[in-house]
């Protein structure tokens, strides 16, 4: 059973926990494989992901270009720390959605055949983005549960 823990939120910090019936490697690689990430990261029923680039290495950059109601929205940042399959830290900027630069920290703890993802966002007013992150983490669960990501690691950067 997937257990969702209520988030801890204040205006400058968002902490979410989500358990997945998948290995920590599969969960981590879903963040680092463009073919999988475009299925859930910044994806909703109302938009389309036009393009995604990921240079998954410390200091590398990423960009995810979204089309939403005719408007192009770029989600971009820099990878600060990569420790596959346990931790991923990156900056995130989405000027169309929020001011400033967010820092996202993903920690993944393996529990036998399950994994717990601890998601932390800081540096911006997180009250505007909490709902979106919940929806994305739920979508990731669907992707992992449907085995769509069975070969997630196959296209992930070899420098992880």
Protein backbone atom coordinates (compact mmCIF):
# COMPACT_ATOMS: atom_id res chain seq x y z
CA UNK A 1 0.00 0.00 0.00
CA UNK A 2 1.28 3.42 -0.92
CA UNK A 3 1.32 5.75 2.04
CA UNK A 4 1.20 9.47 1.55
CA UNK A 5 2.28 11.65 4.42
CA UNK A 6 0.78 15.09 4.91
CA UNK A 7 3.15 17.76 3.72
CA UNK A 8 4.98 20.16 5.95
CA UNK A 9 4.63 23.59 4.41
CA UNK A 10 5.37 27.14 5.26
CA UNK A 11 5.73 29.85 2.68
CA UNK A 12 9.44 29.18 2.16
CA UNK A 13 9.66 25.41 2.58
CA UNK A 14 7.71 22.50 1.18
CA UNK A 15 8.36 18.97 2.44
CA UNK A 16 6.53 16.02 0.85
CA UNK A 17 6.94 12.31 1.39
CA UNK A 18 5.73 9.70 -1.06
CA UNK A 19 6.21 5.94 -1.02
CA UNK A 20 6.53 4.01 -4.28
CA UNK A 21 6.32 0.29 -5.02
CA UNK A 22 9.55 0.54 -7.01
CA UNK A 23 13.28 0.35 -6.43
CA UNK A 24 15.20 3.46 -5.45
CA UNK A 25 17.07 3.16 -8.77
CA UNK A 26 13.82 3.26 -10.76
CA UNK A 27 12.54 6.26 -8.79
CA UNK A 28 15.83 8.13 -9.15
CA UNK A 29 16.13 7.36 -12.84
CA UNK A 30 12.62 8.67 -13.49
CA UNK A 31 14.04 12.10 -12.57
CA UNK A 32 17.10 11.65 -14.81
CA UNK A 33 15.75 9.96 -17.94
CA UNK A 34 14.19 12.49 -20.36
CA UNK A 35 11.95 9.86 -21.98
CA UNK A 36 10.37 9.06 -18.63
CA UNK A 37 10.47 12.55 -17.11
CA UNK A 38 8.43 14.01 -19.99
CA UNK A 39 5.59 11.68 -19.00
CA UNK A 40 5.18 13.17 -15.52
CA UNK A 41 7.57 16.02 -14.64
CA UNK A 42 5.69 19.30 -15.23
CA UNK A 43 3.16 17.29 -17.25
CA UNK A 44 -0.57 17.63 -16.68
CA UNK A 45 -3.76 16.81 -18.53
CA UNK A 46 -3.85 20.42 -19.79
CA UNK A 47 -0.39 20.75 -21.30
CA UNK A 48 2.15 19.22 -23.61
CA UNK A 49 5.88 18.83 -23.07
CA UNK A 50 7.49 20.15 -26.26
CA UNK A 51 11.07 19.33 -25.41
CA UNK A 52 13.35 18.22 -22.65
CA UNK A 53 17.13 18.34 -22.29
CA UNK A 54 19.07 16.99 -19.34
CA UNK A 55 22.80 17.09 -18.76
CA UNK A 56 22.63 15.02 -15.58
CA UNK A 57 25.95 15.75 -13.91
CA UNK A 58 27.02 18.15 -11.18
CA UNK A 59 26.95 21.59 -12.79
CA UNK A 60 24.93 20.32 -15.75
CA UNK A 61 21.74 22.06 -16.83
CA UNK A 62 18.25 20.95 -17.73
CA UNK A 63 15.34 22.53 -19.55
CA UNK A 64 11.76 21.30 -19.88
CA UNK A 65 9.66 23.29 -22.33
CA UNK A 66 5.92 23.11 -21.71
CA UNK A 67 3.07 24.29 -23.95
CA UNK A 68 0.06 25.32 -21.89
CA UNK A 69 -2.93 27.08 -23.46
CA UNK A 70 -0.78 28.31 -26.34
CA UNK A 71 1.92 29.67 -24.03
CA UNK A 72 5.44 28.25 -23.89
CA UNK A 73 6.77 27.89 -20.36
CA UNK A 74 10.38 26.94 -19.67
CA UNK A 75 11.33 25.05 -16.49
CA UNK A 76 15.10 25.16 -16.14
CA UNK A 77 17.90 24.77 -13.65
CA UNK A 78 21.26 23.34 -12.70
CA UNK A 79 22.15 20.05 -11.01
CA UNK A 80 23.95 20.72 -7.72
CA UNK A 81 24.37 17.20 -6.32
CA UNK A 82 23.91 13.74 -7.80
CA UNK A 83 24.23 10.57 -5.75
CA UNK A 84 22.37 7.81 -7.61
CA UNK A 85 20.11 6.28 -6.37
CA UNK A 86 19.82 8.19 -3.10
CA UNK A 87 19.92 11.92 -3.71
CA UNK A 88 19.40 14.56 -6.38
CA UNK A 89 19.62 18.30 -5.75
CA UNK A 90 18.98 20.98 -8.36
CA UNK A 91 17.89 24.56 -8.81
CA UNK A 92 14.61 25.34 -10.54
CA UNK A 93 13.45 28.51 -12.22
CA UNK A 94 10.05 28.98 -13.84
CA UNK A 95 9.62 32.75 -14.24
CA UNK A 96 6.09 32.32 -15.62
CA UNK A 97 5.00 30.58 -12.39
CA UNK A 98 7.09 32.01 -9.56
CA UNK A 99 9.75 34.60 -8.76
CA UNK A 100 13.22 33.58 -7.69
CA UNK A 101 15.21 30.39 -7.74
CA UNK A 102 13.98 27.29 -5.95
CA UNK A 103 16.23 24.55 -4.64
CA UNK A 104 14.79 21.06 -4.98
CA UNK A 105 16.21 18.20 -2.93
CA UNK A 106 15.13 14.64 -3.66
CA UNK A 107 16.14 11.94 -1.19
CA UNK A 108 15.22 8.33 -1.87
CA UNK A 109 15.37 5.66 0.80
CA UNK A 110 15.06 2.01 -0.17
CA UNK A 111 12.70 -0.19 1.86
CA UNK A 112 13.03 -3.68 0.36
CA UNK A 113 11.04 -3.49 -2.91
CA UNK A 114 9.63 -0.07 -2.07
CA UNK A 115 11.15 3.38 -1.90
CA UNK A 116 10.33 6.48 0.07
CA UNK A 117 10.90 9.77 -1.71
CA UNK A 118 11.44 12.82 0.47
CA UNK A 119 10.92 15.96 -1.58
CA UNK A 120 12.03 19.37 -0.28
CA UNK A 121 11.62 22.69 -2.05
CA UNK A 122 12.96 25.93 -0.65
CA UNK A 123 13.94 29.42 -1.69
CA UNK A 124 10.58 30.57 -3.07
CA UNK A 125 6.97 31.00 -1.95
CA UNK A 126 6.10 27.29 -2.09
CA UNK A 127 2.39 27.80 -1.35
CA UNK A 128 1.89 28.44 -5.08
CA UNK A 129 3.39 25.13 -6.19
CA UNK A 130 2.43 22.51 -3.59
CA UNK A 131 -0.64 21.22 -5.46
CA UNK A 132 1.36 20.83 -8.68
CA UNK A 133 4.06 18.78 -6.95
CA UNK A 134 1.45 16.50 -5.36
CA UNK A 135 -0.05 15.88 -8.80
CA UNK A 136 3.34 15.21 -10.38
CA UNK A 137 4.42 12.77 -7.64
CA UNK A 138 1.09 10.95 -8.04
CA UNK A 139 1.65 10.79 -11.81
CA UNK A 140 5.13 9.37 -11.19
CA UNK A 141 3.48 6.66 -9.10
CA UNK A 142 1.22 5.76 -12.05
CA UNK A 143 4.21 5.58 -14.38
CA UNK A 144 6.14 3.33 -12.01
CA UNK A 145 3.10 1.15 -11.20
CA UNK A 146 2.32 0.59 -14.88
CA UNK A 147 5.87 -0.55 -15.51
CA UNK A 148 6.07 2.10 -18.21
CA UNK A 149 9.44 2.86 -16.72
CA UNK A 150 10.69 -0.74 -16.71
CA UNK A 151 13.85 0.34 -18.52
CA UNK A 152 14.09 3.77 -16.96
CA UNK A 153 17.83 3.64 -16.46
CA UNK A 154 18.57 2.68 -20.06
CA UNK A 155 18.56 6.27 -21.32
CA UNK A 156 19.76 7.99 -18.15
CA UNK A 157 23.12 9.67 -18.25
CA UNK A 158 25.98 7.29 -17.62
CA UNK A 159 27.61 9.82 -15.28
CA UNK A 160 25.00 9.33 -12.58
